């Protein structure tokens, strides 16, 4: 049947998300999902919005949610764009801003959806190597380009850039859009949203999937100068006039209203992350400093692919990347303390048997 496909689709390699198996008793640490439930207020709001009004189309511009986000971040509603998860927001941004004469730039180790978007939309790109310690060096991006994209904190490394570095990058690249993907920023990074008031070429993208435990709701948003938001709106209006449904909007607004729940759950994730990092280091793992809800690790004497298999046999899922340079790394999502203890016990058992040791 692929003879009927468009030529560009035949060559396209799609993004592969973390595995979502239905296995009873599974400890699922492979998709960076929050181990804690959403705010009860969000659940109540979703239920309340799931009534006979669903026969009507939702608010096309998600105006009530725009106002809630603007109020939360101290910005204007005209600076906010809403989409069906941050992946859709990113896709619209690539389409709206990065079809330029010059290639865009992003790190060679980062969110693997970026090159997929480029190939889908016919965008030329340059991948900039990370420096020692798998760190982004902003001075490597001080050259003419069609745009700059990076995750902060970066994924899958988990390492965050300070706002001073982002501001340096913005000052050096005033003539292209700089997109900062902040999917994990609430777990220890500094949001660049305040900088959008000063730099009209900055677009910040966030999601409610991670820190607000709403991955199943698919809510993402972007913050930037009103002119950038207008550009995103033109793409959205040519693609899907109603990207967010009524219950999703209601749940998202309630999630922003429940600050106490948000702060409590993000703090728990960060505390468990630091505890797990120390446990893994004690087992001989090299653990990159993380400002996310995951840790990125490697063991000098054990193969990551074998550790992945051994953990899966014990009903524990983690993520392994086959990309060059990452072959011997595992990304481990932060679960509850009980889930982290189960992972630690399994690794003690695996490493104690010598399974997976590199010859």
C-alpha atoms as a PDB file:
ATOM      1  CA  UNK A   1       0.000   0.000   0.000  1.00  0.00           C
ATOM      2  CA  UNK A   2       2.921   2.401   0.417  1.00  0.00           C
ATOM      3  CA  UNK A   3       2.866   3.054  -3.357  1.00  0.00           C
ATOM      4  CA  UNK A   4      -0.097   5.342  -2.541  1.00  0.00           C
ATOM      5  CA  UNK A   5       1.826   7.351   0.049  1.00  0.00           C
ATOM      6  CA  UNK A   6       3.275  10.777  -0.650  1.00  0.00           C
ATOM      7  CA  UNK A   7       7.006  10.497  -1.461  1.00  0.00           C
ATOM      8  CA  UNK A   8       8.005  12.459   1.661  1.00  0.00           C
ATOM      9  CA  UNK A   9       6.076  10.058   3.901  1.00  0.00           C
ATOM     10  CA  UNK A  10       7.842   7.016   2.457  1.00  0.00           C
ATOM     11  CA  UNK A  11      11.130   8.423   3.741  1.00  0.00           C
ATOM     12  CA  UNK A  12       9.768   9.597   7.104  1.00  0.00           C
ATOM     13  CA  UNK A  13      10.836   7.874  10.316  1.00  0.00           C
ATOM     14  CA  UNK A  14       8.221   8.634  12.955  1.00  0.00           C
ATOM     15  CA  UNK A  15       8.881   9.432  16.607  1.00  0.00           C
ATOM     16  CA  UNK A  16       8.556   6.374  18.875  1.00  0.00           C
ATOM     17  CA  UNK A  17       7.049   7.139  22.314  1.00  0.00           C
ATOM     18  CA  UNK A  18       7.729   5.205  25.481  1.00  0.00           C
ATOM     19  CA  UNK A  19       6.089   1.778  25.584  1.00  0.00           C
ATOM     20  CA  UNK A  20       2.571   1.692  27.059  1.00  0.00           C
ATOM     21  CA  UNK A  21       1.953  -1.986  27.892  1.00  0.00           C
ATOM     22  CA  UNK A  22      -0.983  -3.284  29.940  1.00  0.00           C
ATOM     23  CA  UNK A  23       0.826  -5.622  32.320  1.00  0.00           C
ATOM     24  CA  UNK A  24      -0.571  -6.154  35.845  1.00  0.00           C
ATOM     25  CA  UNK A  25       1.796  -5.132  38.626  1.00  0.00           C
ATOM     26  CA  UNK A  26       4.153  -3.254  36.306  1.00  0.00           C
ATOM     27  CA  UNK A  27       6.506  -0.613  37.696  1.00  0.00           C
ATOM     28  CA  UNK A  28       6.377   1.822  34.785  1.00  0.00           C
ATOM     29  CA  UNK A  29       9.386   4.153  34.768  1.00  0.00           C
ATOM     30  CA  UNK A  30       9.824   4.609  31.008  1.00  0.00           C
ATOM     31  CA  UNK A  31       7.591   7.490  29.889  1.00  0.00           C
ATOM     32  CA  UNK A  32       8.270  10.302  32.403  1.00  0.00           C
ATOM     33  CA  UNK A  33       4.704  10.188  33.672  1.00  0.00           C
ATOM     34  CA  UNK A  34       3.995  11.694  37.073  1.00  0.00           C
ATOM     35  CA  UNK A  35       3.588   8.948  39.704  1.00  0.00           C
ATOM     36  CA  UNK A  36       0.981  11.006  41.582  1.00  0.00           C
ATOM     37  CA  UNK A  37      -2.623  11.676  40.548  1.00  0.00           C
ATOM     38  CA  UNK A  38      -3.878  15.025  39.258  1.00  0.00           C
ATOM     39  CA  UNK A  39      -5.378  17.584  41.599  1.00  0.00           C
ATOM     40  CA  UNK A  40      -8.768  16.394  42.876  1.00  0.00           C
ATOM     41  CA  UNK A  41     -10.100  19.795  41.814  1.00  0.00           C
ATOM     42  CA  UNK A  42      -9.055  19.028  38.241  1.00  0.00           C
ATOM     43  CA  UNK A  43     -10.863  15.675  38.323  1.00  0.00           C
ATOM     44  CA  UNK A  44     -13.997  17.342  39.723  1.00  0.00           C
ATOM     45  CA  UNK A  45     -13.869  20.035  37.029  1.00  0.00           C
ATOM     46  CA  UNK A  46     -13.514  17.454  34.258  1.00  0.00           C
ATOM     47  CA  UNK A  47     -16.530  15.559  35.592  1.00  0.00           C
ATOM     48  CA  UNK A  48     -18.583  18.716  35.920  1.00  0.00           C
ATOM     49  CA  UNK A  49     -17.782  19.702  32.320  1.00  0.00           C
ATOM     50  CA  UNK A  50     -18.728  16.251  30.994  1.00  0.00           C
ATOM     51  CA  UNK A  51     -22.432  16.952  30.653  1.00  0.00           C
ATOM     52  CA  UNK A  52     -24.980  17.591  27.911  1.00  0.00           C
ATOM     53  CA  UNK A  53     -23.013  20.657  26.770  1.00  0.00           C
ATOM     54  CA  UNK A  54     -20.594  18.285  25.021  1.00  0.00           C
ATOM     55  CA  UNK A  55     -22.967  18.401  22.048  1.00  0.00           C
ATOM     56  CA  UNK A  56     -21.533  21.883  21.425  1.00  0.00           C
ATOM     57  CA  UNK A  57     -18.090  22.733  20.059  1.00  0.00           C
ATOM     58  CA  UNK A  58     -15.599  23.979  22.646  1.00  0.00           C
ATOM     59  CA  UNK A  59     -14.246  27.517  22.769  1.00  0.00           C
ATOM     60  CA  UNK A  60     -12.048  27.635  19.666  1.00  0.00           C
ATOM     61  CA  UNK A  61      -9.308  29.781  21.233  1.00  0.00           C
ATOM     62  CA  UNK A  62      -9.466  28.166  24.694  1.00  0.00           C
ATOM     63  CA  UNK A  63     -10.000  31.703  25.990  1.00  0.00           C
ATOM     64  CA  UNK A  64     -10.783  30.815  29.646  1.00  0.00           C
ATOM     65  CA  UNK A  65      -7.598  28.716  29.867  1.00  0.00           C
ATOM     66  CA  UNK A  66      -5.545  31.454  28.182  1.00  0.00           C
ATOM     67  CA  UNK A  67      -6.701  33.863  30.887  1.00  0.00           C
ATOM     68  CA  UNK A  68      -5.883  31.358  33.642  1.00  0.00           C
ATOM     69  CA  UNK A  69      -2.349  30.796  32.311  1.00  0.00           C
ATOM     70  CA  UNK A  70      -1.793  34.515  31.763  1.00  0.00           C
ATOM     71  CA  UNK A  71      -2.882  35.277  35.325  1.00  0.00           C
ATOM     72  CA  UNK A  72      -0.661  32.510  36.729  1.00  0.00           C
ATOM     73  CA  UNK A  73       2.456  33.768  34.922  1.00  0.00           C
ATOM     74  CA  UNK A  74       1.754  37.500  35.109  1.00  0.00           C
ATOM     75  CA  UNK A  75       1.452  38.034  31.350  1.00  0.00           C
ATOM     76  CA  UNK A  76      -1.247  39.056  28.888  1.00  0.00           C
ATOM     77  CA  UNK A  77      -3.700  36.530  27.365  1.00  0.00           C
ATOM     78  CA  UNK A  78      -2.522  37.685  23.923  1.00  0.00           C
ATOM     79  CA  UNK A  79       0.859  36.120  24.798  1.00  0.00           C
ATOM     80  CA  UNK A  80      -0.625  32.614  25.233  1.00  0.00           C
ATOM     81  CA  UNK A  81      -1.325  29.907  22.658  1.00  0.00           C
ATOM     82  CA  UNK A  82      -3.112  26.650  23.557  1.00  0.00           C
ATOM     83  CA  UNK A  83      -2.734  23.293  21.791  1.00  0.00           C
ATOM     84  CA  UNK A  84      -3.514  19.611  22.069  1.00  0.00           C
ATOM     85  CA  UNK A  85      -0.437  18.725  24.089  1.00  0.00           C
ATOM     86  CA  UNK A  86       2.944  20.421  23.741  1.00  0.00           C
ATOM     87  CA  UNK A  87       3.819  18.140  20.815  1.00  0.00           C
ATOM     88  CA  UNK A  88       1.103  19.786  18.736  1.00  0.00           C
ATOM     89  CA  UNK A  89       2.246  23.228  19.875  1.00  0.00           C
ATOM     90  CA  UNK A  90       5.808  22.363  18.841  1.00  0.00           C
ATOM     91  CA  UNK A  91       4.620  21.062  15.474  1.00  0.00           C
ATOM     92  CA  UNK A  92       2.749  24.302  14.793  1.00  0.00           C
ATOM     93  CA  UNK A  93       5.807  26.326  15.827  1.00  0.00           C
ATOM     94  CA  UNK A  94       8.069  24.417  13.418  1.00  0.00           C
ATOM     95  CA  UNK A  95       5.543  25.023  10.647  1.00  0.00           C
ATOM     96  CA  UNK A  96       5.028  28.697  11.510  1.00  0.00           C
ATOM     97  CA  UNK A  97       8.595  29.867  12.144  1.00  0.00           C
ATOM     98  CA  UNK A  98      11.277  27.489  10.895  1.00  0.00           C
ATOM     99  CA  UNK A  99      10.674  27.177   7.162  1.00  0.00           C
ATOM    100  CA  UNK A 100      13.522  29.562   6.481  1.00  0.00           C
ATOM    101  CA  UNK A 101      16.385  29.841   3.983  1.00  0.00           C
ATOM    102  CA  UNK A 102      18.959  28.900   6.629  1.00  0.00           C
ATOM    103  CA  UNK A 103      18.900  25.625   8.594  1.00  0.00           C
ATOM    104  CA  UNK A 104      17.625  25.675  12.149  1.00  0.00           C
ATOM    105  CA  UNK A 105      19.825  24.471  15.011  1.00  0.00           C
ATOM    106  CA  UNK A 106      19.226  22.120  17.918  1.00  0.00           C
ATOM    107  CA  UNK A 107      21.421  19.811  20.028  1.00  0.00           C
ATOM    108  CA  UNK A 108      22.451  16.438  18.655  1.00  0.00           C
ATOM    109  CA  UNK A 109      21.152  14.854  21.865  1.00  0.00           C
ATOM    110  CA  UNK A 110      17.725  16.223  22.715  1.00  0.00           C
ATOM    111  CA  UNK A 111      14.013  15.489  22.218  1.00  0.00           C
ATOM    112  CA  UNK A 112      13.946  13.204  19.188  1.00  0.00           C
ATOM    113  CA  UNK A 113      10.728  14.720  17.841  1.00  0.00           C
ATOM    114  CA  UNK A 114      12.634  17.785  16.567  1.00  0.00           C
ATOM    115  CA  UNK A 115      14.254  16.079  13.547  1.00  0.00           C
ATOM    116  CA  UNK A 116      10.935  14.330  12.841  1.00  0.00           C
ATOM    117  CA  UNK A 117       9.166  17.698  12.548  1.00  0.00           C
ATOM    118  CA  UNK A 118      11.954  18.976  10.298  1.00  0.00           C
ATOM    119  CA  UNK A 119      11.655  16.044   7.918  1.00  0.00           C
ATOM    120  CA  UNK A 120       7.856  16.257   7.948  1.00  0.00           C
ATOM    121  CA  UNK A 121       7.849  19.942   7.020  1.00  0.00           C
ATOM    122  CA  UNK A 122      10.934  19.925   4.789  1.00  0.00           C
ATOM    123  CA  UNK A 123      13.030  22.049   7.168  1.00  0.00           C
ATOM    124  CA  UNK A 124      16.813  21.951   6.920  1.00  0.00           C
ATOM    125  CA  UNK A 125      18.563  21.510  10.263  1.00  0.00           C
ATOM    126  CA  UNK A 126      21.982  21.347  11.887  1.00  0.00           C
ATOM    127  CA  UNK A 127      22.509  19.269  15.007  1.00  0.00           C
ATOM    128  CA  UNK A 128      24.987  20.907  17.370  1.00  0.00           C
ATOM    129  CA  UNK A 129      27.110  18.493  19.443  1.00  0.00           C
ATOM    130  CA  UNK A 130      26.827  18.695  23.203  1.00  0.00           C
ATOM    131  CA  UNK A 131      29.956  19.555  25.144  1.00  0.00           C
ATOM    132  CA  UNK A 132      31.658  17.414  27.799  1.00  0.00           C
ATOM    133  CA  UNK A 133      29.238  16.200  30.433  1.00  0.00           C
ATOM    134  CA  UNK A 134      26.434  16.242  27.824  1.00  0.00           C
ATOM    135  CA  UNK A 135      25.931  19.971  28.311  1.00  0.00           C
ATOM    136  CA  UNK A 136      24.591  22.601  25.919  1.00  0.00           C
ATOM    137  CA  UNK A 137      27.023  25.464  25.302  1.00  0.00           C
ATOM    138  CA  UNK A 138      25.085  28.500  24.070  1.00  0.00           C
ATOM    139  CA  UNK A 139      28.152  29.985  22.374  1.00  0.00           C
ATOM    140  CA  UNK A 140      27.968  27.112  19.872  1.00  0.00           C
ATOM    141  CA  UNK A 141      24.735  28.682  18.545  1.00  0.00           C
ATOM    142  CA  UNK A 142      26.131  32.157  17.882  1.00  0.00           C
ATOM    143  CA  UNK A 143      25.892  31.998  14.101  1.00  0.00           C
ATOM    144  CA  UNK A 144      23.237  32.853  11.499  1.00  0.00           C
ATOM    145  CA  UNK A 145      20.416  30.296  11.389  1.00  0.00           C
ATOM    146  CA  UNK A 146      16.755  29.853  10.601  1.00  0.00           C
ATOM    147  CA  UNK A 147      15.933  29.307  14.263  1.00  0.00           C
ATOM    148  CA  UNK A 148      17.087  27.616  17.444  1.00  0.00           C
ATOM    149  CA  UNK A 149      15.268  24.913  19.403  1.00  0.00           C
ATOM    150  CA  UNK A 150      16.250  23.179  22.611  1.00  0.00           C
ATOM    151  CA  UNK A 151      14.699  21.600  25.679  1.00  0.00           C
ATOM    152  CA  UNK A 152      15.457  23.208  29.001  1.00  0.00           C
ATOM    153  CA  UNK A 153      16.034  21.149  31.040  1.00  0.00           C
ATOM    154  CA  UNK A 154      17.308  19.068  28.162  1.00  0.00           C
ATOM    155  CA  UNK A 155      15.902  15.622  27.462  1.00  0.00           C
ATOM    156  CA  UNK A 156      17.031  12.924  27.821  1.00  0.00           C
ATOM    157  CA  UNK A 157      20.013  14.289  29.772  1.00  0.00           C
ATOM    158  CA  UNK A 158      17.999  16.182  32.394  1.00  0.00           C
ATOM    159  CA  UNK A 159      20.560  19.020  32.571  1.00  0.00           C
ATOM    160  CA  UNK A 160      19.243  22.603  32.836  1.00  0.00           C
ATOM    161  CA  UNK A 161      20.636  25.882  31.539  1.00  0.00           C
ATOM    162  CA  UNK A 162      20.431  28.991  33.743  1.00  0.00           C
ATOM    163  CA  UNK A 163      18.371  31.943  32.525  1.00  0.00           C
ATOM    164  CA  UNK A 164      21.563  33.956  32.055  1.00  0.00           C
ATOM    165  CA  UNK A 165      22.667  31.520  29.323  1.00  0.00           C
ATOM    166  CA  UNK A 166      19.292  31.735  27.593  1.00  0.00           C
ATOM    167  CA  UNK A 167      19.446  35.528  27.667  1.00  0.00           C
ATOM    168  CA  UNK A 168      22.951  35.411  26.175  1.00  0.00           C
ATOM    169  CA  UNK A 169      21.601  33.223  23.377  1.00  0.00           C
ATOM    170  CA  UNK A 170      18.686  35.574  22.716  1.00  0.00           C
ATOM    171  CA  UNK A 171      20.952  38.618  22.529  1.00  0.00           C
ATOM    172  CA  UNK A 172      23.222  36.842  20.031  1.00  0.00           C
ATOM    173  CA  UNK A 173      20.328  35.711  17.800  1.00  0.00           C
ATOM    174  CA  UNK A 174      17.811  38.570  17.551  1.00  0.00           C
ATOM    175  CA  UNK A 175      16.750  37.777  13.973  1.00  0.00           C
ATOM    176  CA  UNK A 176      15.370  34.255  14.431  1.00  0.00           C
ATOM    177  CA  UNK A 177      12.930  32.511  16.741  1.00  0.00           C
ATOM    178  CA  UNK A 178      14.477  30.839  19.768  1.00  0.00           C
ATOM    179  CA  UNK A 179      12.139  28.113  21.018  1.00  0.00           C
ATOM    180  CA  UNK A 180      12.683  26.835  24.558  1.00  0.00           C
ATOM    181  CA  UNK A 181      10.816  23.593  25.265  1.00  0.00           C
ATOM    182  CA  UNK A 182      10.123  23.550  29.022  1.00  0.00           C
ATOM    183  CA  UNK A 183       8.320  20.232  29.385  1.00  0.00           C
ATOM    184  CA  UNK A 184      10.257  19.464  32.594  1.00  0.00           C
ATOM    185  CA  UNK A 185      11.012  22.922  33.952  1.00  0.00           C
ATOM    186  CA  UNK A 186       8.858  22.558  37.083  1.00  0.00           C
ATOM    187  CA  UNK A 187      11.171  19.909  38.543  1.00  0.00           C
ATOM    188  CA  UNK A 188      14.123  22.212  39.167  1.00  0.00           C
ATOM    189  CA  UNK A 189      14.700  24.450  36.146  1.00  0.00           C
ATOM    190  CA  UNK A 190      14.133  28.184  35.689  1.00  0.00           C
ATOM    191  CA  UNK A 191      11.367  29.142  33.298  1.00  0.00           C
ATOM    192  CA  UNK A 192      12.226  31.603  30.543  1.00  0.00           C
ATOM    193  CA  UNK A 193       8.650  32.927  30.452  1.00  0.00           C
ATOM    194  CA  UNK A 194       9.660  36.223  32.168  1.00  0.00           C
ATOM    195  CA  UNK A 195      12.121  36.862  29.320  1.00  0.00           C
ATOM    196  CA  UNK A 196       9.283  36.895  26.754  1.00  0.00           C
ATOM    197  CA  UNK A 197       8.465  40.433  27.938  1.00  0.00           C
ATOM    198  CA  UNK A 198      11.889  41.633  26.756  1.00  0.00           C
ATOM    199  CA  UNK A 199      12.724  39.406  23.774  1.00  0.00           C
ATOM    200  CA  UNK A 200      10.090  39.284  20.990  1.00  0.00           C
ATOM    201  CA  UNK A 201      11.885  36.353  19.309  1.00  0.00           C
ATOM    202  CA  UNK A 202      11.500  34.011  22.318  1.00  0.00           C
ATOM    203  CA  UNK A 203       8.830  31.302  22.355  1.00  0.00           C
ATOM    204  CA  UNK A 204       8.449  29.140  25.474  1.00  0.00           C
ATOM    205  CA  UNK A 205       6.487  25.882  25.275  1.00  0.00           C
ATOM    206  CA  UNK A 206       5.147  24.012  28.306  1.00  0.00           C
ATOM    207  CA  UNK A 207       2.864  21.069  29.039  1.00  0.00           C
ATOM    208  CA  UNK A 208       0.513  19.952  31.800  1.00  0.00           C
ATOM    209  CA  UNK A 209       1.480  16.317  31.203  1.00  0.00           C
ATOM    210  CA  UNK A 210       4.426  16.131  33.606  1.00  0.00           C
ATOM    211  CA  UNK A 211       4.306  18.329  36.693  1.00  0.00           C
ATOM    212  CA  UNK A 212       0.510  18.566  36.789  1.00  0.00           C
ATOM    213  CA  UNK A 213      -0.120  14.844  36.170  1.00  0.00           C
ATOM    214  CA  UNK A 214      -2.381  15.392  33.160  1.00  0.00           C
ATOM    215  CA  UNK A 215      -0.632  13.417  30.401  1.00  0.00           C
ATOM    216  CA  UNK A 216      -3.958  11.784  29.544  1.00  0.00           C
ATOM    217  CA  UNK A 217      -5.649  15.146  29.014  1.00  0.00           C
ATOM    218  CA  UNK A 218      -3.276  16.460  26.260  1.00  0.00           C
ATOM    219  CA  UNK A 219      -2.884  20.132  27.144  1.00  0.00           C
ATOM    220  CA  UNK A 220       0.089  22.210  26.039  1.00  0.00           C
ATOM    221  CA  UNK A 221       0.707  25.901  25.612  1.00  0.00           C
ATOM    222  CA  UNK A 222       3.191  28.447  24.329  1.00  0.00           C
ATOM    223  CA  UNK A 223       4.082  31.884  25.681  1.00  0.00           C
ATOM    224  CA  UNK A 224       5.656  34.590  23.553  1.00  0.00           C
ATOM    225  CA  UNK A 225       5.244  37.970  21.926  1.00  0.00           C
ATOM    226  CA  UNK A 226       1.729  38.560  20.592  1.00  0.00           C
ATOM    227  CA  UNK A 227       3.071  38.510  17.018  1.00  0.00           C
ATOM    228  CA  UNK A 228       4.440  34.981  17.495  1.00  0.00           C
ATOM    229  CA  UNK A 229       1.158  33.868  19.030  1.00  0.00           C
ATOM    230  CA  UNK A 230      -0.698  35.281  16.031  1.00  0.00           C
ATOM    231  CA  UNK A 231       1.526  33.225  13.730  1.00  0.00           C
ATOM    232  CA  UNK A 232       0.747  30.063  15.694  1.00  0.00           C
ATOM    233  CA  UNK A 233      -2.946  30.930  15.508  1.00  0.00           C
ATOM    234  CA  UNK A 234      -2.808  31.089  11.730  1.00  0.00           C
ATOM    235  CA  UNK A 235      -1.362  27.589  11.572  1.00  0.00           C
ATOM    236  CA  UNK A 236      -3.867  26.244  14.085  1.00  0.00           C
ATOM    237  CA  UNK A 237      -6.749  27.831  12.221  1.00  0.00           C
ATOM    238  CA  UNK A 238      -5.588  26.103   9.040  1.00  0.00           C
ATOM    239  CA  UNK A 239      -5.196  22.741  10.773  1.00  0.00           C
ATOM    240  CA  UNK A 240      -7.705  22.240  13.606  1.00  0.00           C
ATOM    241  CA  UNK A 241     -10.003  25.001  14.782  1.00  0.00           C
ATOM    242  CA  UNK A 242     -10.906  23.165  18.017  1.00  0.00           C
ATOM    243  CA  UNK A 243      -7.745  21.504  19.397  1.00  0.00           C
ATOM    244  CA  UNK A 244      -8.802  21.373  23.042  1.00  0.00           C
ATOM    245  CA  UNK A 245     -12.059  19.877  24.267  1.00  0.00           C
ATOM    246  CA  UNK A 246     -14.290  21.381  26.953  1.00  0.00           C
ATOM    247  CA  UNK A 247     -13.450  18.914  29.790  1.00  0.00           C
ATOM    248  CA  UNK A 248      -9.723  19.329  29.088  1.00  0.00           C
ATOM    249  CA  UNK A 249      -9.993  23.102  29.385  1.00  0.00           C
ATOM    250  CA  UNK A 250     -11.920  22.806  32.639  1.00  0.00           C
ATOM    251  CA  UNK A 251      -9.427  20.352  34.126  1.00  0.00           C
ATOM    252  CA  UNK A 252      -6.447  22.457  33.093  1.00  0.00           C
ATOM    253  CA  UNK A 253      -7.876  25.624  34.641  1.00  0.00           C
ATOM    254  CA  UNK A 254      -8.572  23.789  37.907  1.00  0.00           C
ATOM    255  CA  UNK A 255      -5.034  22.366  37.910  1.00  0.00           C
ATOM    256  CA  UNK A 256      -3.578  25.888  37.744  1.00  0.00           C
ATOM    257  CA  UNK A 257      -5.894  26.969  40.560  1.00  0.00           C
ATOM    258  CA  UNK A 258      -4.667  24.220  42.919  1.00  0.00           C
ATOM    259  CA  UNK A 259      -1.193  25.553  43.665  1.00  0.00           C
ATOM    260  CA  UNK A 260      -0.836  23.627  46.936  1.00  0.00           C
ATOM    261  CA  UNK A 261      -1.314  20.262  45.204  1.00  0.00           C
ATOM    262  CA  UNK A 262       1.123  21.223  42.445  1.00  0.00           C
ATOM    263  CA  UNK A 263       3.852  22.314  44.852  1.00  0.00           C
ATOM    264  CA  UNK A 264       3.448  19.264  47.084  1.00  0.00           C
ATOM    265  CA  UNK A 265       3.667  16.706  44.274  1.00  0.00           C
ATOM    266  CA  UNK A 266       6.578  18.337  42.439  1.00  0.00           C
ATOM    267  CA  UNK A 267       8.492  18.501  45.716  1.00  0.00           C
ATOM    268  CA  UNK A 268       7.888  14.792  46.322  1.00  0.00           C
ATOM    269  CA  UNK A 269       9.191  13.924  42.858  1.00  0.00           C
ATOM    270  CA  UNK A 270      12.332  16.003  43.366  1.00  0.00           C
ATOM    271  CA  UNK A 271      12.990  14.477  46.791  1.00  0.00           C
ATOM    272  CA  UNK A 272      12.666  10.949  45.397  1.00  0.00           C
ATOM    273  CA  UNK A 273      14.906  11.889  42.468  1.00  0.00           C
ATOM    274  CA  UNK A 274      17.741  12.935  44.767  1.00  0.00           C
ATOM    275  CA  UNK A 275      17.321   9.819  46.898  1.00  0.00           C
ATOM    276  CA  UNK A 276      17.330   7.530  43.857  1.00  0.00           C
ATOM    277  CA  UNK A 277      20.355   9.306  42.365  1.00  0.00           C
ATOM    278  CA  UNK A 278      22.388   8.571  45.500  1.00  0.00           C
ATOM    279  CA  UNK A 279      21.251   4.929  45.499  1.00  0.00           C
ATOM    280  CA  UNK A 280      22.242   4.494  41.852  1.00  0.00           C
ATOM    281  CA  UNK A 281      25.619   6.131  42.396  1.00  0.00           C
ATOM    282  CA  UNK A 282      26.244   3.736  45.276  1.00  0.00           C
ATOM    283  CA  UNK A 283      25.669   0.873  42.802  1.00  0.00           C
ATOM    284  CA  UNK A 284      28.342   2.266  40.476  1.00  0.00           C
ATOM    285  CA  UNK A 285      26.090   4.143  38.039  1.00  0.00           C
ATOM    286  CA  UNK A 286      27.150   7.466  36.596  1.00  0.00           C
ATOM    287  CA  UNK A 287      24.162   9.785  37.061  1.00  0.00           C
ATOM    288  CA  UNK A 288      23.898  13.117  35.262  1.00  0.00           C
ATOM    289  CA  UNK A 289      22.647  16.038  37.388  1.00  0.00           C
ATOM    290  CA  UNK A 290      18.906  16.198  36.761  1.00  0.00           C
ATOM    291  CA  UNK A 291      16.390  19.047  36.972  1.00  0.00           C
ATOM    292  CA  UNK A 292      13.599  16.832  35.620  1.00  0.00           C
ATOM    293  CA  UNK A 293      11.372  13.950  36.713  1.00  0.00           C
ATOM    294  CA  UNK A 294      13.881  11.407  35.407  1.00  0.00           C
ATOM    295  CA  UNK A 295      17.546  10.514  35.710  1.00  0.00           C
ATOM    296  CA  UNK A 296      19.893   9.627  32.858  1.00  0.00           C
ATOM    297  CA  UNK A 297      22.413   6.978  33.842  1.00  0.00           C
ATOM    298  CA  UNK A 298      25.107   4.647  32.584  1.00  0.00           C
ATOM    299  CA  UNK A 299      27.112   1.893  34.255  1.00  0.00           C
ATOM    300  CA  UNK A 300      30.768   1.478  33.246  1.00  0.00           C
ATOM    301  CA  UNK A 301      30.674  -2.314  33.657  1.00  0.00           C
ATOM    302  CA  UNK A 302      27.168  -3.234  32.532  1.00  0.00           C
ATOM    303  CA  UNK A 303      25.415  -2.932  29.190  1.00  0.00           C
ATOM    304  CA  UNK A 304      22.292  -0.779  29.226  1.00  0.00           C
ATOM    305  CA  UNK A 305      20.411  -3.022  26.781  1.00  0.00           C
ATOM    306  CA  UNK A 306      20.955  -6.043  29.014  1.00  0.00           C
ATOM    307  CA  UNK A 307      19.954  -4.142  32.136  1.00  0.00           C
ATOM    308  CA  UNK A 308      16.788  -3.080  30.321  1.00  0.00           C
ATOM    309  CA  UNK A 309      15.936  -6.713  29.563  1.00  0.00           C
ATOM    310  CA  UNK A 310      16.703  -7.881  33.078  1.00  0.00           C
ATOM    311  CA  UNK A 311      14.536  -5.163  34.580  1.00  0.00           C
ATOM    312  CA  UNK A 312      11.673  -5.934  32.220  1.00  0.00           C
ATOM    313  CA  UNK A 313      11.783  -9.586  33.293  1.00  0.00           C
ATOM    314  CA  UNK A 314      11.201  -8.255  36.816  1.00  0.00           C
ATOM    315  CA  UNK A 315       8.230  -6.146  35.585  1.00  0.00           C
ATOM    316  CA  UNK A 316      10.115  -2.849  35.704  1.00  0.00           C
ATOM    317  CA  UNK A 317      10.180  -0.672  32.582  1.00  0.00           C
ATOM    318  CA  UNK A 318      12.829   1.984  31.905  1.00  0.00           C
ATOM    319  CA  UNK A 319      13.811   3.670  28.618  1.00  0.00           C
ATOM    320  CA  UNK A 320      16.784   2.749  26.436  1.00  0.00           C
ATOM    321  CA  UNK A 321      17.849   4.878  23.452  1.00  0.00           C
ATOM    322  CA  UNK A 322      19.673   3.337  20.513  1.00  0.00           C
ATOM    323  CA  UNK A 323      20.909   6.684  19.206  1.00  0.00           C
ATOM    324  CA  UNK A 324      24.641   6.892  18.668  1.00  0.00           C
ATOM    325  CA  UNK A 325      26.315   8.136  21.819  1.00  0.00           C
ATOM    326  CA  UNK A 326      23.451   6.996  24.045  1.00  0.00           C
ATOM    327  CA  UNK A 327      23.644   3.230  23.510  1.00  0.00           C
ATOM    328  CA  UNK A 328      24.821   2.529  27.044  1.00  0.00           C
ATOM    329  CA  UNK A 329      22.486   4.925  28.844  1.00  0.00           C
ATOM    330  CA  UNK A 330      19.127   4.373  30.499  1.00  0.00           C
ATOM    331  CA  UNK A 331      16.533   7.028  31.238  1.00  0.00           C
ATOM    332  CA  UNK A 332      14.668   6.236  34.435  1.00  0.00           C
ATOM    333  CA  UNK A 333      11.480   8.125  35.293  1.00  0.00           C
ATOM    334  CA  UNK A 334      10.972   9.080  38.913  1.00  0.00           C
ATOM    335  CA  UNK A 335       8.212   7.054  40.528  1.00  0.00           C
ATOM    336  CA  UNK A 336       6.947   6.895  44.069  1.00  0.00           C
ATOM    337  CA  UNK A 337       9.360   5.962  46.841  1.00  0.00           C
ATOM    338  CA  UNK A 338       7.961   2.424  46.720  1.00  0.00           C
ATOM    339  CA  UNK A 339       8.562   2.170  42.966  1.00  0.00           C
ATOM    340  CA  UNK A 340      12.070   3.548  43.337  1.00  0.00           C
ATOM    341  CA  UNK A 341      12.763   1.015  46.077  1.00  0.00           C
ATOM    342  CA  UNK A 342      11.554  -1.779  43.776  1.00  0.00           C
ATOM    343  CA  UNK A 343      13.898  -0.543  41.045  1.00  0.00           C
ATOM    344  CA  UNK A 344      16.812  -0.331  43.465  1.00  0.00           C
ATOM    345  CA  UNK A 345      16.192  -3.845  44.806  1.00  0.00           C
ATOM    346  CA  UNK A 346      15.993  -5.224  41.269  1.00  0.00           C
ATOM    347  CA  UNK A 347      19.263  -3.561  40.291  1.00  0.00           C
ATOM    348  CA  UNK A 348      20.984  -4.862  43.420  1.00  0.00           C
ATOM    349  CA  UNK A 349      19.876  -8.349  42.407  1.00  0.00           C
ATOM    350  CA  UNK A 350      20.920  -7.917  38.758  1.00  0.00           C
ATOM    351  CA  UNK A 351      24.299  -6.361  39.449  1.00  0.00           C
ATOM    352  CA  UNK A 352      24.992  -8.880  42.182  1.00  0.00           C
ATOM    353  CA  UNK A 353      24.663 -11.741  39.702  1.00  0.00           C
ATOM    354  CA  UNK A 354      27.048 -10.085  37.265  1.00  0.00           C
ATOM    355  CA  UNK A 355      24.407 -10.218  34.518  1.00  0.00           C
ATOM    356  CA  UNK A 356      25.013  -7.781  31.719  1.00  0.00           C
ATOM    357  CA  UNK A 357      28.675  -7.205  32.522  1.00  0.00           C
ATOM    358  CA  UNK A 358      30.647  -5.858  29.606  1.00  0.00           C
ATOM    359  CA  UNK A 359      33.424  -8.223  28.504  1.00  0.00           C
END
